[in-house]
Amino acid sequence: MFDSGKTSSSVNLDDYDVQINGEVISQGVSLFNEGVNVFNVENTTATADRIEVAFIVDATGSMGDELEFLKSDLKDVIGRAQEDNANSTILTSTVFYRDQGDDYVTKRSDFTTSISSTVDFISKQSADGGGDFEEAVEEALDEAINDLQWGTNSKTRIAFLLLDAPPHQTDDVNLSIKKSLIKAAKNGVKLIPVTASGIDKSTEFLMRYFAIATNGTYVFITNDSGIGNDHIEPTVGEYEVEFLNNLLVRLINKYAQ
């Protein structure tokens, strides 16, 4: 809508133009009280048939069951997604993280078209460390968003974040997370948190925020899974329970359209 802040009798619309992405639109504009201005803009950006899927995984001691799920089911998940998107190339990568003072804070495998390479890397990982409730979530996000080689013209960019604990609550950590979310949203990387047993309500709220801020989806594991310890009841209306591997395939397909 166009509103100059002046009355219609004092405005010469010939003095104004509209620019979208640096291009001047020749279509005329109307004042606010004359209705909504609608501009149709052609998308001139070429996109490659690339689907990039990153897995950001809490590898502290409490995540053993979830890590074993990845080891056993990831190849099936990506294989089925590839079948459903036969004209696209799927690339996968991983970032594992623990916390300050553990054997490592983060370690990663970069994007590759070889699912076997990603699975082999995951198979070598184990769940250990941690100790306190909070973990180095901000370090993992920073590495995943800034250091993984996301394509500049890929049609789909997804980052699954598997975790059962929140980040540390300090000003520096919160600022780091804010920067990562802004960068992810700007670059079209959709965060899909997958929360496991152990999270509390404030962590659920934070992970929902991660998803909303990047146009992703919030996913929660329930007691139906038999994975991990007891899971909190999510703050949500009615929901349907799905097998996690089926859900991951469905979400990849959803965002690949």
C-alpha atoms as a PDB file:
ATOM      1  CA  MET A   1       0.000   0.000   0.000  1.00  0.00           C
ATOM      2  CA  PHE A   2       1.107   3.552  -0.699  1.00  0.00           C
ATOM      3  CA  ASP A   3       0.553   6.316   1.812  1.00  0.00           C
ATOM      4  CA  SER A   4       2.469   9.546   1.373  1.00  0.00           C
ATOM      5  CA  GLY A   5       1.073  11.066   4.539  1.00  0.00           C
ATOM      6  CA  LYS A   6      -0.480  13.830   2.442  1.00  0.00           C
ATOM      7  CA  THR A   7      -3.996  14.401   1.179  1.00  0.00           C
ATOM      8  CA  SER A   8      -4.895  13.267  -2.325  1.00  0.00           C
ATOM      9  CA  SER A   9      -5.240  16.881  -3.464  1.00  0.00           C
ATOM     10  CA  SER A  10      -1.616  17.704  -2.522  1.00  0.00           C
ATOM     11  CA  VAL A  11       0.132  14.644  -3.999  1.00  0.00           C
ATOM     12  CA  ASN A  12       1.452  14.275  -7.530  1.00  0.00           C
ATOM     13  CA  LEU A  13       1.912  10.533  -7.999  1.00  0.00           C
ATOM     14  CA  ASP A  14       4.196  11.189 -10.961  1.00  0.00           C
ATOM     15  CA  ASP A  15       6.830  12.174  -8.394  1.00  0.00           C
ATOM     16  CA  TYR A  16       6.908   8.622  -6.975  1.00  0.00           C
ATOM     17  CA  ASP A  17       7.959   5.218  -8.227  1.00  0.00           C
ATOM     18  CA  VAL A  18       8.292   1.724  -6.741  1.00  0.00           C
ATOM     19  CA  GLN A  19      11.492  -0.293  -6.714  1.00  0.00           C
ATOM     20  CA  ILE A  20      11.569  -4.038  -6.070  1.00  0.00           C
ATOM     21  CA  ASN A  21      14.968  -5.719  -5.805  1.00  0.00           C
ATOM     22  CA  GLY A  22      16.521  -2.587  -7.275  1.00  0.00           C
ATOM     23  CA  GLU A  23      14.279  -2.581 -10.341  1.00  0.00           C
ATOM     24  CA  VAL A  24      11.918   0.327 -10.970  1.00  0.00           C
ATOM     25  CA  ILE A  25       8.365  -0.881 -11.609  1.00  0.00           C
ATOM     26  CA  SER A  26       6.673   1.114 -14.357  1.00  0.00           C
ATOM     27  CA  GLN A  27       3.207   0.365 -13.039  1.00  0.00           C
ATOM     28  CA  GLY A  28       1.553   3.382 -11.475  1.00  0.00           C
ATOM     29  CA  VAL A  29       0.771   3.618  -7.796  1.00  0.00           C
ATOM     30  CA  SER A  30      -2.432   4.511  -5.976  1.00  0.00           C
ATOM     31  CA  LEU A  31      -3.041   6.278  -2.713  1.00  0.00           C
ATOM     32  CA  PHE A  32      -4.006   4.350   0.404  1.00  0.00           C
ATOM     33  CA  ASN A  33      -7.633   5.388   0.260  1.00  0.00           C
ATOM     34  CA  GLU A  34      -7.884   4.173  -3.346  1.00  0.00           C
ATOM     35  CA  GLY A  35      -7.091   0.551  -2.513  1.00  0.00           C
ATOM     36  CA  VAL A  36      -4.198  -1.879  -2.383  1.00  0.00           C
ATOM     37  CA  ASN A  37      -1.320  -1.683  -4.879  1.00  0.00           C
ATOM     38  CA  VAL A  38      -0.566  -5.105  -6.355  1.00  0.00           C
ATOM     39  CA  PHE A  39       2.690  -5.792  -8.213  1.00  0.00           C
ATOM     40  CA  ASN A  40       3.446  -9.032 -10.047  1.00  0.00           C
ATOM     41  CA  VAL A  41       7.175  -9.778 -10.130  1.00  0.00           C
ATOM     42  CA  GLU A  42       8.717 -12.589 -12.145  1.00  0.00           C
ATOM     43  CA  ASN A  43      11.205 -14.830 -10.371  1.00  0.00           C
ATOM     44  CA  THR A  44      14.389 -14.623 -12.433  1.00  0.00           C
ATOM     45  CA  THR A  45      16.566 -16.582 -10.010  1.00  0.00           C
ATOM     46  CA  ALA A  46      17.494 -20.021 -11.315  1.00  0.00           C
ATOM     47  CA  THR A  47      17.383 -22.776  -8.713  1.00  0.00           C
ATOM     48  CA  ALA A  48      19.238 -26.061  -8.875  1.00  0.00           C
ATOM     49  CA  ASP A  49      17.479 -29.349  -8.186  1.00  0.00           C
ATOM     50  CA  ARG A  50      19.472 -29.749  -4.975  1.00  0.00           C
ATOM     51  CA  ILE A  51      17.973 -30.736  -1.635  1.00  0.00           C
ATOM     52  CA  GLU A  52      20.372 -30.091   1.223  1.00  0.00           C
ATOM     53  CA  VAL A  53      19.667 -31.830   4.523  1.00  0.00           C
ATOM     54  CA  ALA A  54      21.831 -31.257   7.586  1.00  0.00           C
ATOM     55  CA  PHE A  55      21.535 -33.146  10.865  1.00  0.00           C
ATOM     56  CA  ILE A  56      22.584 -31.220  13.987  1.00  0.00           C
ATOM     57  CA  VAL A  57      22.798 -33.758  16.797  1.00  0.00           C
ATOM     58  CA  ASP A  58      23.269 -33.492  20.546  1.00  0.00           C
ATOM     59  CA  ALA A  59      25.809 -36.252  21.238  1.00  0.00           C
ATOM     60  CA  THR A  60      25.868 -36.057  25.031  1.00  0.00           C
ATOM     61  CA  GLY A  61      25.299 -39.113  27.180  1.00  0.00           C
ATOM     62  CA  SER A  62      21.510 -38.905  27.385  1.00  0.00           C
ATOM     63  CA  MET A  63      21.108 -39.058  23.592  1.00  0.00           C
ATOM     64  CA  GLY A  64      22.202 -42.656  23.097  1.00  0.00           C
ATOM     65  CA  ASP A  65      18.853 -43.998  21.863  1.00  0.00           C
ATOM     66  CA  GLU A  66      18.337 -41.125  19.438  1.00  0.00           C
ATOM     67  CA  LEU A  67      21.831 -41.547  18.034  1.00  0.00           C
ATOM     68  CA  GLU A  68      21.210 -45.238  17.480  1.00  0.00           C
ATOM     69  CA  PHE A  69      18.041 -44.316  15.582  1.00  0.00           C
ATOM     70  CA  LEU A  70      20.097 -42.158  13.219  1.00  0.00           C
ATOM     71  CA  LYS A  71      22.619 -44.926  12.697  1.00  0.00           C
ATOM     72  CA  SER A  72      19.948 -47.466  11.808  1.00  0.00           C
ATOM     73  CA  ASP A  73      17.339 -45.398   9.962  1.00  0.00           C
ATOM     74  CA  LEU A  74      19.050 -42.476   8.234  1.00  0.00           C
ATOM     75  CA  LYS A  75      20.006 -44.411   5.109  1.00  0.00           C
ATOM     76  CA  ASP A  76      16.396 -45.556   4.741  1.00  0.00           C
ATOM     77  CA  VAL A  77      15.077 -42.016   5.275  1.00  0.00           C
ATOM     78  CA  ILE A  78      17.311 -40.434   2.640  1.00  0.00           C
ATOM     79  CA  GLY A  79      16.841 -43.349   0.246  1.00  0.00           C
ATOM     80  CA  ARG A  80      13.065 -43.001   0.355  1.00  0.00           C
ATOM     81  CA  ALA A  81      13.271 -39.207   0.009  1.00  0.00           C
ATOM     82  CA  GLN A  82      15.494 -39.666  -3.033  1.00  0.00           C
ATOM     83  CA  GLU A  83      12.971 -42.030  -4.600  1.00  0.00           C
ATOM     84  CA  ASP A  84      10.224 -39.467  -4.030  1.00  0.00           C
ATOM     85  CA  ASN A  85      12.388 -36.712  -5.572  1.00  0.00           C
ATOM     86  CA  ALA A  86      13.973 -38.627  -8.413  1.00  0.00           C
ATOM     87  CA  ASN A  87      14.836 -35.485 -10.403  1.00  0.00           C
ATOM     88  CA  SER A  88      16.700 -33.884  -7.497  1.00  0.00           C
ATOM     89  CA  THR A  89      20.082 -34.455  -5.927  1.00  0.00           C
ATOM     90  CA  ILE A  90      20.037 -34.906  -2.155  1.00  0.00           C
ATOM     91  CA  LEU A  91      23.095 -33.841  -0.185  1.00  0.00           C
ATOM     92  CA  THR A  92      23.557 -34.592   3.508  1.00  0.00           C
ATOM     93  CA  SER A  93      25.810 -33.283   6.246  1.00  0.00           C
ATOM     94  CA  THR A  94      26.056 -33.526  10.026  1.00  0.00           C
ATOM     95  CA  VAL A  95      27.173 -31.466  13.009  1.00  0.00           C
ATOM     96  CA  PHE A  96      27.574 -33.281  16.317  1.00  0.00           C
ATOM     97  CA  TYR A  97      27.959 -31.311  19.504  1.00  0.00           C
ATOM     98  CA  ARG A  98      28.443 -31.734  23.229  1.00  0.00           C
ATOM     99  CA  ASP A  99      29.501 -29.005  25.658  1.00  0.00           C
ATOM    100  CA  GLN A 100      32.456 -27.016  26.893  1.00  0.00           C
ATOM    101  CA  GLY A 101      34.842 -29.279  28.801  1.00  0.00           C
ATOM    102  CA  ASP A 102      33.846 -32.461  26.949  1.00  0.00           C
ATOM    103  CA  ASP A 103      36.106 -34.372  24.527  1.00  0.00           C
ATOM    104  CA  TYR A 104      34.892 -32.006  21.814  1.00  0.00           C
ATOM    105  CA  VAL A 105      32.400 -29.195  21.438  1.00  0.00           C
ATOM    106  CA  THR A 106      31.505 -29.740  17.766  1.00  0.00           C
ATOM    107  CA  LYS A 107      32.563 -32.017  14.942  1.00  0.00           C
ATOM    108  CA  ARG A 108      31.086 -32.217  11.474  1.00  0.00           C
ATOM    109  CA  SER A 109      30.914 -33.950   8.126  1.00  0.00           C
ATOM    110  CA  ASP A 110      30.395 -31.603   5.177  1.00  0.00           C
ATOM    111  CA  PHE A 111      27.725 -31.862   2.495  1.00  0.00           C
ATOM    112  CA  THR A 112      28.080 -34.833   0.201  1.00  0.00           C
ATOM    113  CA  THR A 113      25.956 -36.669  -2.335  1.00  0.00           C
ATOM    114  CA  SER A 114      27.156 -39.960  -0.802  1.00  0.00           C
ATOM    115  CA  ILE A 115      24.692 -40.980   1.887  1.00  0.00           C
ATOM    116  CA  SER A 116      27.071 -43.826   2.735  1.00  0.00           C
ATOM    117  CA  SER A 117      29.753 -41.306   3.680  1.00  0.00           C
ATOM    118  CA  THR A 118      27.350 -39.494   5.993  1.00  0.00           C
ATOM    119  CA  VAL A 119      26.116 -42.737   7.540  1.00  0.00           C
ATOM    120  CA  ASP A 120      29.704 -43.966   8.022  1.00  0.00           C
ATOM    121  CA  PHE A 121      30.551 -40.729   9.829  1.00  0.00           C
ATOM    122  CA  ILE A 122      27.488 -41.037  12.063  1.00  0.00           C
ATOM    123  CA  SER A 123      28.215 -44.708  12.800  1.00  0.00           C
ATOM    124  CA  LYS A 124      31.539 -43.678  14.341  1.00  0.00           C
ATOM    125  CA  GLN A 125      29.896 -41.294  16.808  1.00  0.00           C
ATOM    126  CA  SER A 126      28.843 -42.139  20.342  1.00  0.00           C
ATOM    127  CA  ALA A 127      26.831 -40.462  23.060  1.00  0.00           C
ATOM    128  CA  ASP A 128      28.954 -39.288  25.968  1.00  0.00           C
ATOM    129  CA  GLY A 129      29.751 -36.253  28.072  1.00  0.00           C
ATOM    130  CA  GLY A 130      27.381 -33.538  29.121  1.00  0.00           C
ATOM    131  CA  GLY A 131      26.726 -33.694  32.831  1.00  0.00           C
ATOM    132  CA  ASP A 132      24.765 -30.510  33.407  1.00  0.00           C
ATOM    133  CA  PHE A 133      21.407 -29.818  31.790  1.00  0.00           C
ATOM    134  CA  GLU A 134      22.438 -27.221  29.197  1.00  0.00           C
ATOM    135  CA  GLU A 135      24.629 -28.013  26.182  1.00  0.00           C
ATOM    136  CA  ALA A 136      26.500 -26.059  23.477  1.00  0.00           C
ATOM    137  CA  VAL A 137      23.514 -25.633  21.161  1.00  0.00           C
ATOM    138  CA  GLU A 138      24.719 -22.199  20.042  1.00  0.00           C
ATOM    139  CA  GLU A 139      28.101 -23.600  18.933  1.00  0.00           C
ATOM    140  CA  ALA A 140      26.388 -26.252  16.830  1.00  0.00           C
ATOM    141  CA  LEU A 141      24.023 -23.754  15.216  1.00  0.00           C
ATOM    142  CA  ASP A 142      26.875 -21.386  14.432  1.00  0.00           C
ATOM    143  CA  GLU A 143      28.897 -24.130  12.747  1.00  0.00           C
ATOM    144  CA  ALA A 144      25.926 -25.563  10.869  1.00  0.00           C
ATOM    145  CA  ILE A 145      24.688 -22.237   9.523  1.00  0.00           C
ATOM    146  CA  ASN A 146      28.040 -20.548   8.858  1.00  0.00           C
ATOM    147  CA  ASP A 147      30.547 -23.328   8.134  1.00  0.00           C
ATOM    148  CA  LEU A 148      28.609 -25.941   6.185  1.00  0.00           C
ATOM    149  CA  GLN A 149      28.756 -25.187   2.464  1.00  0.00           C
ATOM    150  CA  TRP A 150      25.088 -24.475   1.750  1.00  0.00           C
ATOM    151  CA  GLY A 151      24.409 -23.977  -1.950  1.00  0.00           C
ATOM    152  CA  THR A 152      23.529 -20.496  -3.099  1.00  0.00           C
ATOM    153  CA  ASN A 153      20.774 -21.670  -5.446  1.00  0.00           C
ATOM    154  CA  SER A 154      19.575 -24.970  -3.945  1.00  0.00           C
ATOM    155  CA  LYS A 155      15.815 -25.301  -3.951  1.00  0.00           C
ATOM    156  CA  THR A 156      15.610 -26.796  -0.449  1.00  0.00           C
ATOM    157  CA  ARG A 157      17.740 -26.288   2.667  1.00  0.00           C
ATOM    158  CA  ILE A 158      16.747 -28.154   5.850  1.00  0.00           C
ATOM    159  CA  ALA A 159      18.517 -28.587   9.184  1.00  0.00           C
ATOM    160  CA  PHE A 160      17.109 -31.180  11.587  1.00  0.00           C
ATOM    161  CA  LEU A 161      18.150 -30.362  15.164  1.00  0.00           C
ATOM    162  CA  LEU A 162      17.953 -33.428  17.432  1.00  0.00           C
ATOM    163  CA  LEU A 163      18.353 -32.576  21.103  1.00  0.00           C
ATOM    164  CA  ASP A 164      17.093 -33.136  24.618  1.00  0.00           C
ATOM    165  CA  ALA A 165      18.551 -30.088  26.388  1.00  0.00           C
ATOM    166  CA  PRO A 166      18.557 -26.301  25.942  1.00  0.00           C
ATOM    167  CA  PRO A 167      21.520 -23.984  25.398  1.00  0.00           C
ATOM    168  CA  HIS A 168      23.159 -22.193  28.311  1.00  0.00           C
ATOM    169  CA  GLN A 169      21.253 -19.065  29.274  1.00  0.00           C
ATOM    170  CA  THR A 170      23.810 -16.268  28.998  1.00  0.00           C
ATOM    171  CA  ASP A 171      23.753 -13.015  27.064  1.00  0.00           C
ATOM    172  CA  ASP A 172      26.568 -14.178  24.760  1.00  0.00           C
ATOM    173  CA  VAL A 173      24.817 -17.463  24.000  1.00  0.00           C
ATOM    174  CA  ASN A 174      21.494 -15.755  23.314  1.00  0.00           C
ATOM    175  CA  LEU A 175      23.171 -13.260  20.983  1.00  0.00           C
ATOM    176  CA  SER A 176      24.927 -16.077  19.107  1.00  0.00           C
ATOM    177  CA  ILE A 177      21.657 -17.954  18.664  1.00  0.00           C
ATOM    178  CA  LYS A 178      19.908 -14.808  17.469  1.00  0.00           C
ATOM    179  CA  LYS A 179      22.590 -14.239  14.822  1.00  0.00           C
ATOM    180  CA  SER A 180      22.378 -17.845  13.652  1.00  0.00           C
ATOM    181  CA  LEU A 181      18.593 -17.733  13.344  1.00  0.00           C
ATOM    182  CA  ILE A 182      18.725 -14.483  11.375  1.00  0.00           C
ATOM    183  CA  LYS A 183      21.376 -15.937   9.053  1.00  0.00           C
ATOM    184  CA  ALA A 184      19.402 -19.177   8.618  1.00  0.00           C
ATOM    185  CA  ALA A 185      16.197 -17.323   7.778  1.00  0.00           C
ATOM    186  CA  LYS A 186      18.022 -15.009   5.371  1.00  0.00           C
ATOM    187  CA  ASN A 187      19.594 -17.955   3.537  1.00  0.00           C
ATOM    188  CA  GLY A 188      16.441 -20.068   3.449  1.00  0.00           C
ATOM    189  CA  VAL A 189      17.672 -22.730   5.888  1.00  0.00           C
ATOM    190  CA  LYS A 190      14.642 -24.164   7.675  1.00  0.00           C
ATOM    191  CA  LEU A 191      15.341 -25.419  11.196  1.00  0.00           C
ATOM    192  CA  ILE A 192      13.339 -28.464  12.246  1.00  0.00           C
ATOM    193  CA  PRO A 193      13.926 -29.141  15.957  1.00  0.00           C
ATOM    194  CA  VAL A 194      13.267 -32.735  17.022  1.00  0.00           C
ATOM    195  CA  THR A 195      12.979 -32.782  20.802  1.00  0.00           C
ATOM    196  CA  ALA A 196      13.675 -35.963  22.733  1.00  0.00           C
ATOM    197  CA  SER A 197      13.032 -37.029  26.326  1.00  0.00           C
ATOM    198  CA  GLY A 198      14.423 -34.720  28.975  1.00  0.00           C
ATOM    199  CA  ILE A 199      13.329 -31.341  27.638  1.00  0.00           C
ATOM    200  CA  ASP A 200      11.267 -28.988  29.791  1.00  0.00           C
ATOM    201  CA  LYS A 201       8.574 -26.501  28.819  1.00  0.00           C
ATOM    202  CA  SER A 202      10.966 -23.572  28.354  1.00  0.00           C
ATOM    203  CA  THR A 203      13.027 -25.694  25.937  1.00  0.00           C
ATOM    204  CA  GLU A 204       9.878 -26.651  24.036  1.00  0.00           C
ATOM    205  CA  PHE A 205       9.004 -22.957  23.730  1.00  0.00           C
ATOM    206  CA  LEU A 206      12.513 -22.110  22.523  1.00  0.00           C
ATOM    207  CA  MET A 207      12.520 -24.875  19.910  1.00  0.00           C
ATOM    208  CA  ARG A 208       9.117 -23.762  18.635  1.00  0.00           C
ATOM    209  CA  TYR A 209      10.645 -20.302  18.267  1.00  0.00           C
ATOM    210  CA  PHE A 210      13.567 -21.773  16.265  1.00  0.00           C
ATOM    211  CA  ALA A 211      11.081 -23.371  13.879  1.00  0.00           C
ATOM    212  CA  ILE A 212       8.850 -20.316  13.515  1.00  0.00           C
ATOM    213  CA  ALA A 213      11.801 -17.944  13.011  1.00  0.00           C
ATOM    214  CA  THR A 214      13.106 -19.996  10.072  1.00  0.00           C
ATOM    215  CA  ASN A 215       9.772 -21.155   8.612  1.00  0.00           C
ATOM    216  CA  GLY A 216      10.473 -24.704   9.755  1.00  0.00           C
ATOM    217  CA  THR A 217       8.474 -27.276  11.733  1.00  0.00           C
ATOM    218  CA  TYR A 218       8.604 -28.265  15.402  1.00  0.00           C
ATOM    219  CA  VAL A 219       8.772 -32.046  15.962  1.00  0.00           C
ATOM    220  CA  PHE A 220       8.553 -33.868  19.290  1.00  0.00           C
ATOM    221  CA  ILE A 221       9.174 -37.510  20.169  1.00  0.00           C
ATOM    222  CA  THR A 222       6.459 -39.069  22.337  1.00  0.00           C
ATOM    223  CA  ASN A 223       6.347 -42.029  24.698  1.00  0.00           C
ATOM    224  CA  ASP A 224       4.830 -44.043  21.827  1.00  0.00           C
ATOM    225  CA  SER A 225       8.328 -44.237  20.324  1.00  0.00           C
ATOM    226  CA  GLY A 226       9.904 -46.309  23.079  1.00  0.00           C
ATOM    227  CA  ILE A 227      13.013 -44.182  22.560  1.00  0.00           C
ATOM    228  CA  GLY A 228      14.740 -42.634  25.563  1.00  0.00           C
ATOM    229  CA  ASN A 229      13.126 -41.854  28.900  1.00  0.00           C
ATOM    230  CA  ASP A 230       9.759 -40.292  29.666  1.00  0.00           C
ATOM    231  CA  HIS A 231       8.638 -37.460  27.354  1.00  0.00           C
ATOM    232  CA  ILE A 232       6.669 -34.398  28.441  1.00  0.00           C
ATOM    233  CA  GLU A 233       3.191 -33.872  27.070  1.00  0.00           C
ATOM    234  CA  PRO A 234       3.533 -31.183  24.383  1.00  0.00           C
ATOM    235  CA  THR A 235       1.640 -27.918  24.634  1.00  0.00           C
ATOM    236  CA  VAL A 236      -0.415 -28.421  21.508  1.00  0.00           C
ATOM    237  CA  GLY A 237      -3.900 -29.445  20.469  1.00  0.00           C
ATOM    238  CA  GLU A 238      -4.707 -32.768  18.873  1.00  0.00           C
ATOM    239  CA  TYR A 239      -1.858 -34.420  17.008  1.00  0.00           C
ATOM    240  CA  GLU A 240      -1.218 -37.642  15.144  1.00  0.00           C
ATOM    241  CA  VAL A 241       1.644 -39.936  16.108  1.00  0.00           C
ATOM    242  CA  GLU A 242       3.921 -40.999  13.249  1.00  0.00           C
ATOM    243  CA  PHE A 243       6.994 -43.164  13.081  1.00  0.00           C
ATOM    244  CA  LEU A 244       9.939 -40.779  13.177  1.00  0.00           C
ATOM    245  CA  ASN A 245      11.499 -42.099   9.972  1.00  0.00           C
ATOM    246  CA  ASN A 246       8.205 -41.608   8.106  1.00  0.00           C
ATOM    247  CA  LEU A 247       7.889 -38.105   9.526  1.00  0.00           C
ATOM    248  CA  LEU A 248      11.395 -37.105   8.410  1.00  0.00           C
ATOM    249  CA  VAL A 249      10.685 -38.334   4.887  1.00  0.00           C
ATOM    250  CA  ARG A 250       7.382 -36.456   4.821  1.00  0.00           C
ATOM    251  CA  LEU A 251       9.008 -33.207   5.935  1.00  0.00           C
ATOM    252  CA  ILE A 252      11.815 -33.485   3.394  1.00  0.00           C
ATOM    253  CA  ASN A 253       9.239 -34.047   0.663  1.00  0.00           C
ATOM    254  CA  LYS A 254       7.080 -31.205   1.932  1.00  0.00           C
ATOM    255  CA  TYR A 255       9.882 -28.645   1.725  1.00  0.00           C
ATOM    256  CA  ALA A 256      11.217 -30.042  -1.544  1.00  0.00           C
ATOM    257  CA  GLN A 257       8.057 -29.053  -3.438  1.00  0.00           C
END
